[in-house]
Amino acid sequence: MLRNFNKIVISAFLFLTASAAFAQWNDAHLWTSISIEKKIIKNFSVTVSEELRFSENITELGTFFTDIGLNYKINKHWRVSGDYRFTNKIRLDNSYSKRHRYYFDVS
């Protein structure tokens, strides 16, 4: 009896959570980007990237950002980089909020 009750409870739980998981977004999005890298000296380079993210069936520019980075290759296995990202993200009133981000990477 307890075994059947557990099966019913588990089945009901899975059914209820699965029905909430079917959330489709009927909108086309487009993410485009371009990057340029220029070697300054032997182990030092500069990168610039631009990304545009369109939404509302590719009619509205939702987010765009510029990424500028400096890379230093320590040896053939290790690299250190520091980047700055300037982001414009659309708000509900169709104005853009500006965001600044700095990040560092060791790989």
N, C-alpha and C. Protein backbone atom coordinates (compact mmCIF):
# COMPACT_ATOMS: atom_id res chain seq x y z
N MET A 1 0.81 -1.19 0.00
CA MET A 1 0.00 0.00 0.00
C MET A 1 0.87 1.27 0.00
N LEU A 2 1.88 1.29 0.87
CA LEU A 2 2.77 2.44 0.93
C LEU A 2 3.57 2.59 -0.36
N ARG A 3 3.91 1.49 -0.96
CA ARG A 3 4.67 1.51 -2.21
C ARG A 3 3.85 2.17 -3.33
N ASN A 4 2.58 1.84 -3.44
CA ASN A 4 1.71 2.44 -4.45
C ASN A 4 1.50 3.93 -4.18
N PHE A 5 1.36 4.30 -2.91
CA PHE A 5 1.20 5.70 -2.55
C PHE A 5 2.42 6.51 -2.97
N ASN A 6 3.63 5.96 -2.74
CA ASN A 6 4.86 6.64 -3.14
C ASN A 6 4.91 6.83 -4.65
N LYS A 7 4.49 5.81 -5.39
CA LYS A 7 4.48 5.92 -6.85
C LYS A 7 3.51 7.02 -7.31
N ILE A 8 2.37 7.11 -6.67
CA ILE A 8 1.39 8.13 -7.04
C ILE A 8 1.93 9.53 -6.72
N VAL A 9 2.53 9.69 -5.57
CA VAL A 9 3.08 10.99 -5.18
C VAL A 9 4.21 11.40 -6.11
N ILE A 10 5.11 10.48 -6.43
CA ILE A 10 6.22 10.79 -7.32
C ILE A 10 5.70 11.11 -8.72
N SER A 11 4.73 10.34 -9.21
CA SER A 11 4.16 10.61 -10.53
C SER A 11 3.48 11.96 -10.58
N ALA A 12 2.73 12.30 -9.55
CA ALA A 12 2.06 13.60 -9.50
C ALA A 12 3.08 14.74 -9.45
N PHE A 13 4.13 14.57 -8.68
CA PHE A 13 5.19 15.58 -8.60
C PHE A 13 5.85 15.79 -9.96
N LEU A 14 6.21 14.70 -10.64
CA LEU A 14 6.84 14.81 -11.96
C LEU A 14 5.91 15.45 -12.98
N PHE A 15 4.64 15.10 -12.94
CA PHE A 15 3.67 15.67 -13.86
C PHE A 15 3.53 17.18 -13.65
N LEU A 16 3.43 17.60 -12.39
CA LEU A 16 3.25 19.02 -12.09
C LEU A 16 4.49 19.84 -12.43
N THR A 17 5.67 19.31 -12.16
CA THR A 17 6.89 20.06 -12.49
C THR A 17 7.16 20.05 -13.98
N ALA A 18 6.82 18.99 -14.67
CA ALA A 18 7.04 18.94 -16.12
C ALA A 18 6.11 19.90 -16.85
N SER A 19 4.89 20.06 -16.37
CA SER A 19 3.97 20.98 -17.03
C SER A 19 4.42 22.42 -16.88
N ALA A 20 5.09 22.73 -15.80
CA ALA A 20 5.60 24.09 -15.60
C ALA A 20 6.88 24.34 -16.40
N ALA A 21 7.54 23.30 -16.88
CA ALA A 21 8.80 23.44 -17.58
C ALA A 21 8.63 23.72 -19.07
N PHE A 22 7.43 23.63 -19.61
CA PHE A 22 7.21 23.87 -21.02
C PHE A 22 6.96 25.36 -21.27
N ALA A 23 8.03 26.11 -21.32
CA ALA A 23 7.92 27.54 -21.55
C ALA A 23 8.67 27.88 -22.83
N GLN A 24 7.96 28.09 -23.90
CA GLN A 24 8.56 28.46 -25.17
C GLN A 24 8.46 29.96 -25.36
N TRP A 25 9.46 30.52 -26.00
CA TRP A 25 9.48 31.94 -26.29
C TRP A 25 9.30 32.08 -27.79
N ASN A 26 8.19 32.63 -28.23
CA ASN A 26 7.90 32.76 -29.65
C ASN A 26 8.46 34.07 -30.17
N ASP A 27 9.77 34.13 -30.27
CA ASP A 27 10.45 35.34 -30.69
C ASP A 27 11.78 34.91 -31.31
N ALA A 28 12.15 35.53 -32.40
CA ALA A 28 13.44 35.23 -33.03
C ALA A 28 14.49 36.19 -32.47
N HIS A 29 15.64 35.66 -32.13
CA HIS A 29 16.77 36.45 -31.64
C HIS A 29 17.95 36.26 -32.57
N LEU A 30 18.81 37.25 -32.64
CA LEU A 30 20.02 37.17 -33.45
C LEU A 30 21.17 37.76 -32.65
N TRP A 31 22.24 36.98 -32.48
CA TRP A 31 23.44 37.45 -31.81
C TRP A 31 24.56 37.46 -32.83
N THR A 32 25.14 38.63 -33.06
CA THR A 32 26.24 38.75 -34.00
C THR A 32 27.44 39.32 -33.27
N SER A 33 28.63 38.95 -33.71
CA SER A 33 29.84 39.49 -33.09
C SER A 33 30.98 39.48 -34.09
N ILE A 34 31.94 40.36 -33.83
CA ILE A 34 33.15 40.42 -34.62
C ILE A 34 34.30 40.73 -33.65
N SER A 35 35.45 40.11 -33.90
CA SER A 35 36.63 40.31 -33.04
C SER A 35 37.84 40.57 -33.92
N ILE A 36 38.71 41.41 -33.40
CA ILE A 36 39.98 41.71 -34.07
C ILE A 36 41.08 41.57 -33.03
N GLU A 37 42.17 40.91 -33.39
CA GLU A 37 43.31 40.76 -32.50
C GLU A 37 44.56 41.26 -33.22
N LYS A 38 45.34 42.07 -32.54
CA LYS A 38 46.57 42.62 -33.11
C LYS A 38 47.73 42.33 -32.17
N LYS A 39 48.75 41.64 -32.69
CA LYS A 39 49.93 41.34 -31.89
C LYS A 39 50.82 42.59 -31.87
N ILE A 40 51.16 43.05 -30.67
CA ILE A 40 51.98 44.25 -30.50
C ILE A 40 53.46 43.88 -30.50
N ILE A 41 53.83 42.99 -29.60
CA ILE A 41 55.18 42.43 -29.58
C ILE A 41 55.03 40.92 -29.51
N LYS A 42 56.12 40.20 -29.33
CA LYS A 42 56.12 38.74 -29.43
C LYS A 42 55.03 38.07 -28.58
N ASN A 43 54.91 38.40 -27.32
CA ASN A 43 53.97 37.73 -26.43
C ASN A 43 52.82 38.62 -25.96
N PHE A 44 52.63 39.78 -26.56
CA PHE A 44 51.65 40.74 -26.11
C PHE A 44 50.72 41.11 -27.25
N SER A 45 49.39 41.05 -27.00
CA SER A 45 48.44 41.39 -28.05
C SER A 45 47.25 42.15 -27.47
N VAL A 46 46.52 42.81 -28.35
CA VAL A 46 45.34 43.58 -28.00
C VAL A 46 44.17 43.02 -28.80
N THR A 47 43.00 42.87 -28.14
CA THR A 47 41.80 42.39 -28.82
C THR A 47 40.68 43.40 -28.65
N VAL A 48 39.86 43.52 -29.68
CA VAL A 48 38.67 44.35 -29.65
C VAL A 48 37.53 43.51 -30.21
N SER A 49 36.41 43.46 -29.48
CA SER A 49 35.23 42.70 -29.92
C SER A 49 34.01 43.59 -29.82
N GLU A 50 33.10 43.40 -30.76
CA GLU A 50 31.82 44.09 -30.75
C GLU A 50 30.73 43.04 -30.92
N GLU A 51 29.69 43.12 -30.08
CA GLU A 51 28.59 42.17 -30.17
C GLU A 51 27.27 42.91 -30.16
N LEU A 52 26.37 42.49 -31.05
CA LEU A 52 25.03 43.04 -31.14
C LEU A 52 24.04 41.92 -30.92
N ARG A 53 23.06 42.15 -30.05
CA ARG A 53 22.03 41.15 -29.76
C ARG A 53 20.67 41.74 -30.07
N PHE A 54 20.01 41.18 -31.08
CA PHE A 54 18.70 41.65 -31.51
C PHE A 54 17.61 40.76 -30.94
N SER A 55 16.46 41.36 -30.64
CA SER A 55 15.31 40.61 -30.15
C SER A 55 14.06 41.14 -30.84
N GLU A 56 12.88 40.77 -30.33
CA GLU A 56 11.60 41.18 -30.93
C GLU A 56 11.57 40.85 -32.42
N ASN A 57 11.81 39.57 -32.72
CA ASN A 57 11.86 39.08 -34.10
C ASN A 57 12.89 39.83 -34.94
N ILE A 58 14.03 40.06 -34.34
CA ILE A 58 15.21 40.69 -34.95
C ILE A 58 14.90 42.11 -35.43
N THR A 59 14.03 42.82 -34.74
CA THR A 59 13.71 44.20 -35.12
C THR A 59 14.21 45.21 -34.10
N GLU A 60 14.63 44.77 -32.91
CA GLU A 60 15.04 45.68 -31.86
C GLU A 60 16.42 45.30 -31.35
N LEU A 61 17.29 46.29 -31.26
CA LEU A 61 18.62 46.06 -30.71
C LEU A 61 18.49 46.01 -29.19
N GLY A 62 18.58 44.81 -28.62
CA GLY A 62 18.37 44.64 -27.19
C GLY A 62 19.60 44.97 -26.37
N THR A 63 20.74 44.44 -26.76
CA THR A 63 21.98 44.65 -26.02
C THR A 63 23.13 44.77 -27.02
N PHE A 64 24.04 45.68 -26.76
CA PHE A 64 25.27 45.71 -27.54
C PHE A 64 26.41 46.08 -26.62
N PHE A 65 27.57 45.47 -26.89
CA PHE A 65 28.71 45.78 -26.05
C PHE A 65 30.01 45.73 -26.82
N THR A 66 30.96 46.49 -26.29
CA THR A 66 32.32 46.55 -26.82
C THR A 66 33.25 46.00 -25.76
N ASP A 67 34.14 45.12 -26.18
CA ASP A 67 35.07 44.46 -25.28
C ASP A 67 36.48 44.75 -25.77
N ILE A 68 37.32 45.31 -24.90
CA ILE A 68 38.72 45.63 -25.23
C ILE A 68 39.60 44.89 -24.24
N GLY A 69 40.59 44.15 -24.75
CA GLY A 69 41.42 43.35 -23.86
C GLY A 69 42.89 43.38 -24.21
N LEU A 70 43.71 43.14 -23.20
CA LEU A 70 45.16 42.99 -23.35
C LEU A 70 45.53 41.57 -22.95
N ASN A 71 46.31 40.90 -23.79
CA ASN A 71 46.71 39.51 -23.54
C ASN A 71 48.22 39.40 -23.49
N TYR A 72 48.70 38.64 -22.53
CA TYR A 72 50.14 38.37 -22.43
C TYR A 72 50.35 36.87 -22.33
N LYS A 73 51.11 36.33 -23.25
CA LYS A 73 51.39 34.90 -23.27
C LYS A 73 52.69 34.66 -22.49
N ILE A 74 52.56 34.02 -21.32
CA ILE A 74 53.71 33.78 -20.45
C ILE A 74 54.62 32.73 -21.06
N ASN A 75 54.05 31.59 -21.44
CA ASN A 75 54.77 30.54 -22.16
C ASN A 75 53.76 29.81 -23.03
N LYS A 76 54.11 28.67 -23.57
CA LYS A 76 53.19 28.01 -24.49
C LYS A 76 51.97 27.41 -23.78
N HIS A 77 51.98 27.34 -22.45
CA HIS A 77 50.85 26.77 -21.71
C HIS A 77 50.04 27.80 -20.94
N TRP A 78 50.58 28.97 -20.65
CA TRP A 78 49.92 29.94 -19.78
C TRP A 78 49.75 31.29 -20.47
N ARG A 79 48.59 31.90 -20.23
CA ARG A 79 48.29 33.21 -20.77
C ARG A 79 47.50 34.01 -19.73
N VAL A 80 47.77 35.30 -19.64
CA VAL A 80 47.08 36.20 -18.72
C VAL A 80 46.43 37.30 -19.56
N SER A 81 45.19 37.65 -19.21
CA SER A 81 44.53 38.72 -19.95
C SER A 81 43.69 39.57 -19.01
N GLY A 82 43.54 40.82 -19.37
CA GLY A 82 42.68 41.75 -18.66
C GLY A 82 41.78 42.43 -19.67
N ASP A 83 40.50 42.56 -19.35
CA ASP A 83 39.54 43.09 -20.30
C ASP A 83 38.63 44.13 -19.66
N TYR A 84 38.12 45.01 -20.50
CA TYR A 84 37.10 45.99 -20.12
C TYR A 84 35.93 45.82 -21.08
N ARG A 85 34.72 45.79 -20.54
CA ARG A 85 33.52 45.66 -21.36
C ARG A 85 32.55 46.80 -21.05
N PHE A 86 32.16 47.50 -22.11
CA PHE A 86 31.15 48.55 -22.01
C PHE A 86 29.87 48.02 -22.64
N THR A 87 28.79 47.97 -21.86
CA THR A 87 27.54 47.35 -22.30
C THR A 87 26.41 48.36 -22.27
N ASN A 88 25.59 48.32 -23.30
CA ASN A 88 24.32 49.05 -23.34
C ASN A 88 23.21 48.03 -23.43
N LYS A 89 22.29 48.04 -22.46
CA LYS A 89 21.19 47.08 -22.42
C LYS A 89 19.88 47.84 -22.38
N ILE A 90 18.93 47.40 -23.21
CA ILE A 90 17.67 48.13 -23.32
C ILE A 90 16.83 47.94 -22.06
N ARG A 91 16.14 49.01 -21.68
CA ARG A 91 15.21 48.99 -20.55
C ARG A 91 13.79 48.87 -21.07
N LEU A 92 12.84 48.75 -20.15
CA LEU A 92 11.44 48.63 -20.54
C LEU A 92 10.90 49.91 -21.19
N ASP A 93 11.49 51.07 -20.86
CA ASP A 93 11.03 52.33 -21.47
C ASP A 93 11.79 52.65 -22.76
N ASN A 94 12.48 51.68 -23.34
CA ASN A 94 13.25 51.78 -24.59
C ASN A 94 14.46 52.70 -24.50
N SER A 95 14.90 53.05 -23.30
CA SER A 95 16.19 53.71 -23.14
C SER A 95 17.22 52.63 -22.84
N TYR A 96 18.48 52.98 -22.86
CA TYR A 96 19.55 52.01 -22.63
C TYR A 96 20.27 52.32 -21.33
N SER A 97 20.55 51.26 -20.57
CA SER A 97 21.36 51.41 -19.36
C SER A 97 22.80 51.08 -19.72
N LYS A 98 23.70 51.85 -19.21
CA LYS A 98 25.13 51.65 -19.48
C LYS A 98 25.76 50.89 -18.33
N ARG A 99 26.58 49.91 -18.67
CA ARG A 99 27.24 49.10 -17.65
C ARG A 99 28.72 48.97 -18.00
N HIS A 100 29.56 48.95 -16.97
CA HIS A 100 30.99 48.81 -17.14
C HIS A 100 31.44 47.57 -16.38
N ARG A 101 32.33 46.80 -17.00
CA ARG A 101 32.81 45.58 -16.36
C ARG A 101 34.30 45.41 -16.67
N TYR A 102 35.05 45.08 -15.65
CA TYR A 102 36.46 44.72 -15.79
C TYR A 102 36.60 43.26 -15.38
N TYR A 103 37.38 42.52 -16.12
CA TYR A 103 37.62 41.14 -15.72
C TYR A 103 39.00 40.70 -16.17
N PHE A 104 39.52 39.71 -15.44
CA PHE A 104 40.86 39.19 -15.66
C PHE A 104 40.78 37.68 -15.81
N ASP A 105 41.73 37.13 -16.56
CA ASP A 105 41.69 35.72 -16.87
C ASP A 105 43.10 35.15 -16.89
N VAL A 106 43.23 33.96 -16.32
CA VAL A 106 44.48 33.20 -16.41
C VAL A 106 44.10 31.85 -17.01
N SER A 107 44.74 31.51 -18.10
CA SER A 107 44.42 30.21 -18.73
C SER A 107 45.69 29.53 -19.18
